[in-house]
Amino acid sequence: MTKSVFTRKHDRFRDMLVEARRESGLTQVQLAERLSRPQSFVSKVERGERRLDVVEFLELAQAIGIDPFAFLKTLNDTDGSREGSARRENRSRSKVDKLR
């Protein structure tokens, strides 16, 4: 088993979290306040310096206002390849919208 922090899928997981937070209109500071955590916690998660456990992920998803199960299904259904940023952003935006 590979360390997931070094995989494309983990990169995609983090990208999707950032996209979901932004689509929710939240800053890192606002999300951190909802989680009762420092802003640095959100920053470290988004940059891949800190991994989330399952309970933390569920709390973060609730704070953002997304369905965690739909989020994970979208992540799993994504092939994880790196595409052009504009194409990926458009595809991701529609997937993030489906998570609400």
PDB file of N, CA and C in Angstrom:
ATOM      1  N   MET A   1       0.850  -1.172   0.000  1.00  0.00           N
ATOM      2  CA  MET A   1       0.000   0.000   0.000  1.00  0.00           C
ATOM      3  C   MET A   1       0.897   1.237   0.000  1.00  0.00           C
ATOM      4  N   THR A   2       0.595   2.157  -0.909  1.00  0.00           N
ATOM      5  CA  THR A   2       1.380   3.388  -0.966  1.00  0.00           C
ATOM      6  C   THR A   2       0.903   4.361   0.100  1.00  0.00           C
ATOM      7  N   LYS A   3       1.772   5.275   0.461  1.00  0.00           N
ATOM      8  CA  LYS A   3       1.373   6.331   1.386  1.00  0.00           C
ATOM      9  C   LYS A   3       0.514   7.303   0.594  1.00  0.00           C
ATOM     10  N   SER A   4      -0.743   7.425   0.981  1.00  0.00           N
ATOM     11  CA  SER A   4      -1.705   8.184   0.186  1.00  0.00           C
ATOM     12  C   SER A   4      -1.350   9.648   0.053  1.00  0.00           C
ATOM     13  N   VAL A   5      -0.559  10.180   0.963  1.00  0.00           N
ATOM     14  CA  VAL A   5      -0.222  11.596   0.897  1.00  0.00           C
ATOM     15  C   VAL A   5       0.610  11.908  -0.352  1.00  0.00           C
ATOM     16  N   PHE A   6       1.219  10.906  -0.940  1.00  0.00           N
ATOM     17  CA  PHE A   6       2.059  11.120  -2.109  1.00  0.00           C
ATOM     18  C   PHE A   6       1.401  10.688  -3.418  1.00  0.00           C
ATOM     19  N   THR A   7       0.110  10.469  -3.412  1.00  0.00           N
ATOM     20  CA  THR A   7      -0.575  10.022  -4.615  1.00  0.00           C
ATOM     21  C   THR A   7      -1.351  11.153  -5.275  1.00  0.00           C
ATOM     22  N   ARG A   8      -1.662  10.955  -6.532  1.00  0.00           N
ATOM     23  CA  ARG A   8      -2.495  11.920  -7.253  1.00  0.00           C
ATOM     24  C   ARG A   8      -3.880  12.003  -6.621  1.00  0.00           C
ATOM     25  N   LYS A   9      -4.363  10.882  -6.122  1.00  0.00           N
ATOM     26  CA  LYS A   9      -5.698  10.881  -5.516  1.00  0.00           C
ATOM     27  C   LYS A   9      -5.720  11.763  -4.265  1.00  0.00           C
ATOM     28  N   HIS A  10      -4.670  11.738  -3.477  1.00  0.00           N
ATOM     29  CA  HIS A  10      -4.611  12.606  -2.299  1.00  0.00           C
ATOM     30  C   HIS A  10      -4.522  14.073  -2.726  1.00  0.00           C
ATOM     31  N   ASP A  11      -3.750  14.349  -3.772  1.00  0.00           N
ATOM     32  CA  ASP A  11      -3.708  15.719  -4.319  1.00  0.00           C
ATOM     33  C   ASP A  11      -5.107  16.154  -4.728  1.00  0.00           C
ATOM     34  N   ARG A  12      -5.820  15.272  -5.392  1.00  0.00           N
ATOM     35  CA  ARG A  12      -7.173  15.577  -5.842  1.00  0.00           C
ATOM     36  C   ARG A  12      -8.102  15.797  -4.643  1.00  0.00           C
ATOM     37  N   PHE A  13      -7.947  14.995  -3.605  1.00  0.00           N
ATOM     38  CA  PHE A  13      -8.725  15.146  -2.374  1.00  0.00           C
ATOM     39  C   PHE A  13      -8.540  16.557  -1.813  1.00  0.00           C
ATOM     40  N   ARG A  14      -7.291  16.979  -1.725  1.00  0.00           N
ATOM     41  CA  ARG A  14      -7.008  18.313  -1.194  1.00  0.00           C
ATOM     42  C   ARG A  14      -7.548  19.399  -2.113  1.00  0.00           C
ATOM     43  N   ASP A  15      -7.377  19.231  -3.421  1.00  0.00           N
ATOM     44  CA  ASP A  15      -7.919  20.206  -4.383  1.00  0.00           C
ATOM     45  C   ASP A  15      -9.431  20.334  -4.241  1.00  0.00           C
ATOM     46  N   MET A  16     -10.094  19.194  -4.087  1.00  0.00           N
ATOM     47  CA  MET A  16     -11.552  19.207  -3.948  1.00  0.00           C
ATOM     48  C   MET A  16     -11.988  19.885  -2.652  1.00  0.00           C
ATOM     49  N   LEU A  17     -11.220  19.684  -1.576  1.00  0.00           N
ATOM     50  CA  LEU A  17     -11.549  20.358  -0.313  1.00  0.00           C
ATOM     51  C   LEU A  17     -11.448  21.876  -0.467  1.00  0.00           C
ATOM     52  N   VAL A  18     -10.377  22.324  -1.100  1.00  0.00           N
ATOM     53  CA  VAL A  18     -10.193  23.760  -1.311  1.00  0.00           C
ATOM     54  C   VAL A  18     -11.326  24.312  -2.177  1.00  0.00           C
ATOM     55  N   GLU A  19     -11.645  23.603  -3.254  1.00  0.00           N
ATOM     56  CA  GLU A  19     -12.722  24.044  -4.153  1.00  0.00           C
ATOM     57  C   GLU A  19     -14.057  24.110  -3.419  1.00  0.00           C
ATOM     58  N   ALA A  20     -14.328  23.106  -2.607  1.00  0.00           N
ATOM     59  CA  ALA A  20     -15.596  23.073  -1.856  1.00  0.00           C
ATOM     60  C   ALA A  20     -15.655  24.236  -0.862  1.00  0.00           C
ATOM     61  N   ARG A  21     -14.539  24.495  -0.196  1.00  0.00           N
ATOM     62  CA  ARG A  21     -14.516  25.606   0.762  1.00  0.00           C
ATOM     63  C   ARG A  21     -14.766  26.930   0.053  1.00  0.00           C
ATOM     64  N   ARG A  22     -14.079  27.131  -1.051  1.00  0.00           N
ATOM     65  CA  ARG A  22     -14.240  28.383  -1.800  1.00  0.00           C
ATOM     66  C   ARG A  22     -15.648  28.527  -2.360  1.00  0.00           C
ATOM     67  N   GLU A  23     -16.197  27.422  -2.885  1.00  0.00           N
ATOM     68  CA  GLU A  23     -17.557  27.454  -3.422  1.00  0.00           C
ATOM     69  C   GLU A  23     -18.578  27.770  -2.327  1.00  0.00           C
ATOM     70  N   SER A  24     -18.250  27.396  -1.104  1.00  0.00           N
ATOM     71  CA  SER A  24     -19.128  27.703   0.028  1.00  0.00           C
ATOM     72  C   SER A  24     -18.985  29.152   0.477  1.00  0.00           C
ATOM     73  N   GLY A  25     -18.033  29.862  -0.115  1.00  0.00           N
ATOM     74  CA  GLY A  25     -17.820  31.256   0.236  1.00  0.00           C
ATOM     75  C   GLY A  25     -17.096  31.456   1.551  1.00  0.00           C
ATOM     76  N   LEU A  26     -16.373  30.435   1.989  1.00  0.00           N
ATOM     77  CA  LEU A  26     -15.666  30.510   3.260  1.00  0.00           C
ATOM     78  C   LEU A  26     -14.181  30.764   3.060  1.00  0.00           C
ATOM     79  N   THR A  27     -13.618  31.581   3.912  1.00  0.00           N
ATOM     80  CA  THR A  27     -12.172  31.731   3.962  1.00  0.00           C
ATOM     81  C   THR A  27     -11.623  30.648   4.880  1.00  0.00           C
ATOM     82  N   GLN A  28     -10.321  30.493   4.885  1.00  0.00           N
ATOM     83  CA  GLN A  28      -9.710  29.548   5.816  1.00  0.00           C
ATOM     84  C   GLN A  28     -10.013  29.945   7.259  1.00  0.00           C
ATOM     85  N   VAL A  29      -9.989  31.226   7.527  1.00  0.00           N
ATOM     86  CA  VAL A  29     -10.264  31.715   8.883  1.00  0.00           C
ATOM     87  C   VAL A  29     -11.687  31.368   9.297  1.00  0.00           C
ATOM     88  N   GLN A  30     -12.650  31.595   8.409  1.00  0.00           N
ATOM     89  CA  GLN A  30     -14.050  31.303   8.739  1.00  0.00           C
ATOM     90  C   GLN A  30     -14.267  29.806   8.960  1.00  0.00           C
ATOM     91  N   LEU A  31     -13.661  28.983   8.105  1.00  0.00           N
ATOM     92  CA  LEU A  31     -13.787  27.537   8.281  1.00  0.00           C
ATOM     93  C   LEU A  31     -13.143  27.108   9.596  1.00  0.00           C
ATOM     94  N   ALA A  32     -11.979  27.651   9.892  1.00  0.00           N
ATOM     95  CA  ALA A  32     -11.297  27.315  11.145  1.00  0.00           C
ATOM     96  C   ALA A  32     -12.165  27.673  12.350  1.00  0.00           C
ATOM     97  N   GLU A  33     -12.837  28.820  12.291  1.00  0.00           N
ATOM     98  CA  GLU A  33     -13.720  29.216  13.387  1.00  0.00           C
ATOM     99  C   GLU A  33     -14.859  28.226  13.556  1.00  0.00           C
ATOM    100  N   ARG A  34     -15.424  27.759  12.448  1.00  0.00           N
ATOM    101  CA  ARG A  34     -16.507  26.766  12.526  1.00  0.00           C
ATOM    102  C   ARG A  34     -16.026  25.454  13.139  1.00  0.00           C
ATOM    103  N   LEU A  35     -14.757  25.156  12.921  1.00  0.00           N
ATOM    104  CA  LEU A  35     -14.180  23.912  13.429  1.00  0.00           C
ATOM    105  C   LEU A  35     -13.575  24.075  14.827  1.00  0.00           C
ATOM    106  N   SER A  36     -13.560  25.302  15.323  1.00  0.00           N
ATOM    107  CA  SER A  36     -12.890  25.615  16.594  1.00  0.00           C
ATOM    108  C   SER A  36     -11.421  25.203  16.554  1.00  0.00           C
ATOM    109  N   ARG A  37     -10.800  25.520  15.448  1.00  0.00           N
ATOM    110  CA  ARG A  37      -9.384  25.227  15.221  1.00  0.00           C
ATOM    111  C   ARG A  37      -8.690  26.496  14.755  1.00  0.00           C
ATOM    112  N   PRO A  38      -7.366  26.536  14.825  1.00  0.00           N
ATOM    113  CA  PRO A  38      -6.656  27.695  14.288  1.00  0.00           C
ATOM    114  C   PRO A  38      -6.661  27.662  12.754  1.00  0.00           C
ATOM    115  N   GLN A  39      -6.499  28.817  12.143  1.00  0.00           N
ATOM    116  CA  GLN A  39      -6.454  28.909  10.684  1.00  0.00           C
ATOM    117  C   GLN A  39      -5.333  28.031  10.130  1.00  0.00           C
ATOM    118  N   SER A  40      -4.256  27.901  10.874  1.00  0.00           N
ATOM    119  CA  SER A  40      -3.126  27.094  10.401  1.00  0.00           C
ATOM    120  C   SER A  40      -3.519  25.630  10.197  1.00  0.00           C
ATOM    121  N   PHE A  41      -4.503  25.135  10.948  1.00  0.00           N
ATOM    122  CA  PHE A  41      -4.986  23.764  10.762  1.00  0.00           C
ATOM    123  C   PHE A  41      -5.548  23.599   9.350  1.00  0.00           C
ATOM    124  N   VAL A  42      -6.417  24.531   8.950  1.00  0.00           N
ATOM    125  CA  VAL A  42      -7.018  24.470   7.617  1.00  0.00           C
ATOM    126  C   VAL A  42      -5.940  24.595   6.553  1.00  0.00           C
ATOM    127  N   SER A  43      -5.034  25.523   6.739  1.00  0.00           N
ATOM    128  CA  SER A  43      -3.951  25.725   5.781  1.00  0.00           C
ATOM    129  C   SER A  43      -3.108  24.465   5.615  1.00  0.00           C
ATOM    130  N   LYS A  44      -2.744  23.846   6.715  1.00  0.00           N
ATOM    131  CA  LYS A  44      -1.913  22.638   6.655  1.00  0.00           C
ATOM    132  C   LYS A  44      -2.639  21.485   5.983  1.00  0.00           C
ATOM    133  N   VAL A  45      -3.929  21.361   6.233  1.00  0.00           N
ATOM    134  CA  VAL A  45      -4.711  20.310   5.567  1.00  0.00           C
ATOM    135  C   VAL A  45      -4.727  20.571   4.062  1.00  0.00           C
ATOM    136  N   GLU A  46      -5.000  21.817   3.680  1.00  0.00           N
ATOM    137  CA  GLU A  46      -5.106  22.147   2.261  1.00  0.00           C
ATOM    138  C   GLU A  46      -3.771  22.022   1.524  1.00  0.00           C
ATOM    139  N   ARG A  47      -2.668  22.214   2.216  1.00  0.00           N
ATOM    140  CA  ARG A  47      -1.345  22.093   1.585  1.00  0.00           C
ATOM    141  C   ARG A  47      -0.779  20.688   1.670  1.00  0.00           C
ATOM    142  N   GLY A  48      -1.432  19.807   2.418  1.00  0.00           N
ATOM    143  CA  GLY A  48      -0.965  18.433   2.532  1.00  0.00           C
ATOM    144  C   GLY A  48       0.040  18.216   3.642  1.00  0.00           C
ATOM    145  N   GLU A  49       0.215  19.201   4.510  1.00  0.00           N
ATOM    146  CA  GLU A  49       1.129  19.043   5.634  1.00  0.00           C
ATOM    147  C   GLU A  49       0.469  18.297   6.791  1.00  0.00           C
ATOM    148  N   ARG A  50      -0.841  18.262   6.787  1.00  0.00           N
ATOM    149  CA  ARG A  50      -1.605  17.599   7.849  1.00  0.00           C
ATOM    150  C   ARG A  50      -2.682  16.745   7.215  1.00  0.00           C
ATOM    151  N   ARG A  51      -2.771  15.499   7.642  1.00  0.00           N
ATOM    152  CA  ARG A  51      -3.797  14.595   7.130  1.00  0.00           C
ATOM    153  C   ARG A  51      -4.989  14.594   8.062  1.00  0.00           C
ATOM    154  N   LEU A  52      -6.141  14.330   7.491  1.00  0.00           N
ATOM    155  CA  LEU A  52      -7.370  14.257   8.276  1.00  0.00           C
ATOM    156  C   LEU A  52      -7.704  12.812   8.589  1.00  0.00           C
ATOM    157  N   ASP A  53      -8.192  12.563   9.799  1.00  0.00           N
ATOM    158  CA  ASP A  53      -8.766  11.249  10.050  1.00  0.00           C
ATOM    159  C   ASP A  53     -10.235  11.304   9.639  1.00  0.00           C
ATOM    160  N   VAL A  54     -10.922  10.200   9.721  1.00  0.00           N
ATOM    161  CA  VAL A  54     -12.305  10.114   9.242  1.00  0.00           C
ATOM    162  C   VAL A  54     -13.221  11.075   9.982  1.00  0.00           C
ATOM    163  N   VAL A  55     -13.094  11.140  11.285  1.00  0.00           N
ATOM    164  CA  VAL A  55     -13.953  12.014  12.080  1.00  0.00           C
ATOM    165  C   VAL A  55     -13.689  13.479  11.722  1.00  0.00           C
ATOM    166  N   GLU A  56     -12.432  13.845  11.580  1.00  0.00           N
ATOM    167  CA  GLU A  56     -12.092  15.219  11.194  1.00  0.00           C
ATOM    168  C   GLU A  56     -12.653  15.559   9.817  1.00  0.00           C
ATOM    169  N   PHE A  57     -12.551  14.603   8.883  1.00  0.00           N
ATOM    170  CA  PHE A  57     -13.107  14.840   7.550  1.00  0.00           C
ATOM    171  C   PHE A  57     -14.615  15.078   7.618  1.00  0.00           C
ATOM    172  N   LEU A  58     -15.318  14.262   8.407  1.00  0.00           N
ATOM    173  CA  LEU A  58     -16.765  14.434   8.542  1.00  0.00           C
ATOM    174  C   LEU A  58     -17.113  15.798   9.135  1.00  0.00           C
ATOM    175  N   GLU A  59     -16.353  16.231  10.129  1.00  0.00           N
ATOM    176  CA  GLU A  59     -16.579  17.545  10.737  1.00  0.00           C
ATOM    177  C   GLU A  59     -16.307  18.662   9.736  1.00  0.00           C
ATOM    178  N   LEU A  60     -15.235  18.518   8.968  1.00  0.00           N
ATOM    179  CA  LEU A  60     -14.894  19.527   7.971  1.00  0.00           C
ATOM    180  C   LEU A  60     -15.971  19.597   6.892  1.00  0.00           C
ATOM    181  N   ALA A  61     -16.434  18.456   6.427  1.00  0.00           N
ATOM    182  CA  ALA A  61     -17.487  18.429   5.404  1.00  0.00           C
ATOM    183  C   ALA A  61     -18.755  19.107   5.915  1.00  0.00           C
ATOM    184  N   GLN A  62     -19.112  18.832   7.154  1.00  0.00           N
ATOM    185  CA  GLN A  62     -20.304  19.462   7.733  1.00  0.00           C
ATOM    186  C   GLN A  62     -20.106  20.969   7.829  1.00  0.00           C
ATOM    187  N   ALA A  63     -18.925  21.408   8.234  1.00  0.00           N
ATOM    188  CA  ALA A  63     -18.646  22.836   8.373  1.00  0.00           C
ATOM    189  C   ALA A  63     -18.700  23.551   7.023  1.00  0.00           C
ATOM    190  N   ILE A  64     -18.293  22.861   5.970  1.00  0.00           N
ATOM    191  CA  ILE A  64     -18.329  23.438   4.621  1.00  0.00           C
ATOM    192  C   ILE A  64     -19.744  23.372   4.055  1.00  0.00           C
ATOM    193  N   GLY A  65     -20.498  22.372   4.480  1.00  0.00           N
ATOM    194  CA  GLY A  65     -21.859  22.216   3.988  1.00  0.00           C
ATOM    195  C   GLY A  65     -21.969  21.289   2.799  1.00  0.00           C
ATOM    196  N   ILE A  66     -21.085  20.279   2.766  1.00  0.00           N
ATOM    197  CA  ILE A  66     -21.130  19.310   1.670  1.00  0.00           C
ATOM    198  C   ILE A  66     -21.460  17.929   2.226  1.00  0.00           C
ATOM    199  N   ASP A  67     -21.942  17.072   1.348  1.00  0.00           N
ATOM    200  CA  ASP A  67     -22.228  15.683   1.691  1.00  0.00           C
ATOM    201  C   ASP A  67     -20.906  14.909   1.626  1.00  0.00           C
ATOM    202  N   PRO A  68     -20.412  14.407   2.753  1.00  0.00           N
ATOM    203  CA  PRO A  68     -19.120  13.726   2.735  1.00  0.00           C
ATOM    204  C   PRO A  68     -19.116  12.462   1.875  1.00  0.00           C
ATOM    205  N   PHE A  69     -20.246  11.798   1.801  1.00  0.00           N
ATOM    206  CA  PHE A  69     -20.312  10.563   1.015  1.00  0.00           C
ATOM    207  C   PHE A  69     -20.271  10.859  -0.480  1.00  0.00           C
ATOM    208  N   ALA A  70     -20.972  11.904  -0.903  1.00  0.00           N
ATOM    209  CA  ALA A  70     -20.923  12.322  -2.303  1.00  0.00           C
ATOM    210  C   ALA A  70     -19.520  12.811  -2.651  1.00  0.00           C
ATOM    211  N   PHE A  71     -18.885  13.501  -1.723  1.00  0.00           N
ATOM    212  CA  PHE A  71     -17.522  13.983  -1.925  1.00  0.00           C
ATOM    213  C   PHE A  71     -16.590  12.806  -2.191  1.00  0.00           C
ATOM    214  N   LEU A  72     -16.657  11.788  -1.328  1.00  0.00           N
ATOM    215  CA  LEU A  72     -15.775  10.630  -1.480  1.00  0.00           C
ATOM    216  C   LEU A  72     -16.095   9.835  -2.736  1.00  0.00           C
ATOM    217  N   LYS A  73     -17.374   9.743  -3.093  1.00  0.00           N
ATOM    218  CA  LYS A  73     -17.740   9.058  -4.329  1.00  0.00           C
ATOM    219  C   LYS A  73     -17.157   9.784  -5.525  1.00  0.00           C
ATOM    220  N   THR A  74     -17.252  11.100  -5.522  1.00  0.00           N
ATOM    221  CA  THR A  74     -16.677  11.891  -6.606  1.00  0.00           C
ATOM    222  C   THR A  74     -15.172  11.677  -6.678  1.00  0.00           C
ATOM    223  N   LEU A  75     -14.518  11.689  -5.531  1.00  0.00           N
ATOM    224  CA  LEU A  75     -13.074  11.453  -5.488  1.00  0.00           C
ATOM    225  C   LEU A  75     -12.743  10.080  -6.045  1.00  0.00           C
ATOM    226  N   ASN A  76     -13.505   9.084  -5.643  1.00  0.00           N
ATOM    227  CA  ASN A  76     -13.241   7.719  -6.090  1.00  0.00           C
ATOM    228  C   ASN A  76     -13.518   7.540  -7.579  1.00  0.00           C
ATOM    229  N   ASP A  77     -14.521   8.256  -8.091  1.00  0.00           N
ATOM    230  CA  ASP A  77     -14.873   8.145  -9.506  1.00  0.00           C
ATOM    231  C   ASP A  77     -13.928   8.924 -10.409  1.00  0.00           C
ATOM    232  N   THR A  78     -13.145   9.821  -9.821  1.00  0.00           N
ATOM    233  CA  THR A  78     -12.188  10.614 -10.589  1.00  0.00           C
ATOM    234  C   THR A  78     -10.950   9.765 -10.812  1.00  0.00           C
ATOM    235  N   ASP A  79     -10.436   9.797 -12.025  1.00  0.00           N
ATOM    236  CA  ASP A  79      -9.287   8.945 -12.323  1.00  0.00           C
ATOM    237  C   ASP A  79      -8.001   9.454 -11.682  1.00  0.00           C
ATOM    238  N   GLY A  80      -7.999  10.705 -11.195  1.00  0.00           N
ATOM    239  CA  GLY A  80      -6.827  11.222 -10.511  1.00  0.00           C
ATOM    240  C   GLY A  80      -5.763  11.778 -11.418  1.00  0.00           C
ATOM    241  N   SER A  81      -5.990  11.738 -12.718  1.00  0.00           N
ATOM    242  CA  SER A  81      -4.973  12.262 -13.623  1.00  0.00           C
ATOM    243  C   SER A  81      -4.945  13.770 -13.584  1.00  0.00           C
ATOM    244  N   ARG A  82      -3.803  14.328 -13.903  1.00  0.00           N
ATOM    245  CA  ARG A  82      -3.651  15.775 -13.949  1.00  0.00           C
ATOM    246  C   ARG A  82      -3.994  16.251 -15.355  1.00  0.00           C
ATOM    247  N   GLU A  83      -5.068  17.014 -15.456  1.00  0.00           N
ATOM    248  CA  GLU A  83      -5.489  17.548 -16.734  1.00  0.00           C
ATOM    249  C   GLU A  83      -5.173  19.021 -16.759  1.00  0.00           C
ATOM    250  N   GLY A  84      -5.460  19.670 -17.888  1.00  0.00           N
ATOM    251  CA  GLY A  84      -5.277  21.106 -17.972  1.00  0.00           C
ATOM    252  C   GLY A  84      -6.073  21.794 -16.885  1.00  0.00           C
ATOM    253  N   SER A  85      -5.514  22.838 -16.298  1.00  0.00           N
ATOM    254  CA  SER A  85      -6.141  23.452 -15.129  1.00  0.00           C
ATOM    255  C   SER A  85      -7.532  23.997 -15.426  1.00  0.00           C
ATOM    256  N   ALA A  86      -7.746  24.604 -16.582  1.00  0.00           N
ATOM    257  CA  ALA A  86      -9.069  25.154 -16.892  1.00  0.00           C
ATOM    258  C   ALA A  86     -10.092  24.034 -17.023  1.00  0.00           C
ATOM    259  N   ARG A  87      -9.727  22.971 -17.713  1.00  0.00           N
ATOM    260  CA  ARG A  87     -10.644  21.848 -17.885  1.00  0.00           C
ATOM    261  C   ARG A  87     -10.943  21.195 -16.541  1.00  0.00           C
ATOM    262  N   ARG A  88      -9.896  21.001 -15.729  1.00  0.00           N
ATOM    263  CA  ARG A  88     -10.071  20.392 -14.419  1.00  0.00           C
ATOM    264  C   ARG A  88     -10.936  21.284 -13.538  1.00  0.00           C
ATOM    265  N   GLU A  89     -10.701  22.590 -13.583  1.00  0.00           N
ATOM    266  CA  GLU A  89     -11.478  23.508 -12.756  1.00  0.00           C
ATOM    267  C   GLU A  89     -12.949  23.470 -13.135  1.00  0.00           C
ATOM    268  N   ASN A  90     -13.260  23.460 -14.431  1.00  0.00           N
ATOM    269  CA  ASN A  90     -14.653  23.413 -14.865  1.00  0.00           C
ATOM    270  C   ASN A  90     -15.309  22.110 -14.446  1.00  0.00           C
ATOM    271  N   ARG A  91     -14.618  21.013 -14.615  1.00  0.00           N
ATOM    272  CA  ARG A  91     -15.156  19.712 -14.225  1.00  0.00           C
ATOM    273  C   ARG A  91     -15.343  19.646 -12.716  1.00  0.00           C
ATOM    274  N   SER A  92     -14.363  20.146 -11.987  1.00  0.00           N
ATOM    275  CA  SER A  92     -14.436  20.115 -10.523  1.00  0.00           C
ATOM    276  C   SER A  92     -15.561  20.985 -10.007  1.00  0.00           C
ATOM    277  N   ARG A  93     -15.740  22.143 -10.608  1.00  0.00           N
ATOM    278  CA  ARG A  93     -16.782  23.056 -10.159  1.00  0.00           C
ATOM    279  C   ARG A  93     -18.140  22.367 -10.231  1.00  0.00           C
ATOM    280  N   SER A  94     -18.399  21.660 -11.341  1.00  0.00           N
ATOM    281  CA  SER A  94     -19.687  20.992 -11.462  1.00  0.00           C
ATOM    282  C   SER A  94     -19.795  19.842 -10.459  1.00  0.00           C
ATOM    283  N   LYS A  95     -18.694  19.180 -10.161  1.00  0.00           N
ATOM    284  CA  LYS A  95     -18.728  18.093  -9.189  1.00  0.00           C
ATOM    285  C   LYS A  95     -18.937  18.636  -7.783  1.00  0.00           C
ATOM    286  N   VAL A  96     -18.307  19.761  -7.472  1.00  0.00           N
ATOM    287  CA  VAL A  96     -18.491  20.357  -6.160  1.00  0.00           C
ATOM    288  C   VAL A  96     -19.931  20.785  -5.987  1.00  0.00           C
ATOM    289  N   ASP A  97     -20.531  21.328  -7.046  1.00  0.00           N
ATOM    290  CA  ASP A  97     -21.934  21.726  -6.971  1.00  0.00           C
ATOM    291  C   ASP A  97     -22.836  20.548  -6.651  1.00  0.00           C
ATOM    292  N   LYS A  98     -22.473  19.359  -7.129  1.00  0.00           N
ATOM    293  CA  LYS A  98     -23.274  18.168  -6.873  1.00  0.00           C
ATOM    294  C   LYS A  98     -23.187  17.718  -5.420  1.00  0.00           C
ATOM    295  N   LEU A  99     -22.178  18.182  -4.705  1.00  0.00           N
ATOM    296  CA  LEU A  99     -21.971  17.751  -3.327  1.00  0.00           C
ATOM    297  C   LEU A  99     -22.914  18.444  -2.359  1.00  0.00           C
ATOM    298  N   ARG A 100     -23.592  19.469  -2.792  1.00  0.00           N
ATOM    299  CA  ARG A 100     -24.462  20.246  -1.910  1.00  0.00           C
ATOM    300  C   ARG A 100     -25.842  19.648  -1.845  1.00  0.00           C
TER     301      ARG A 100
END
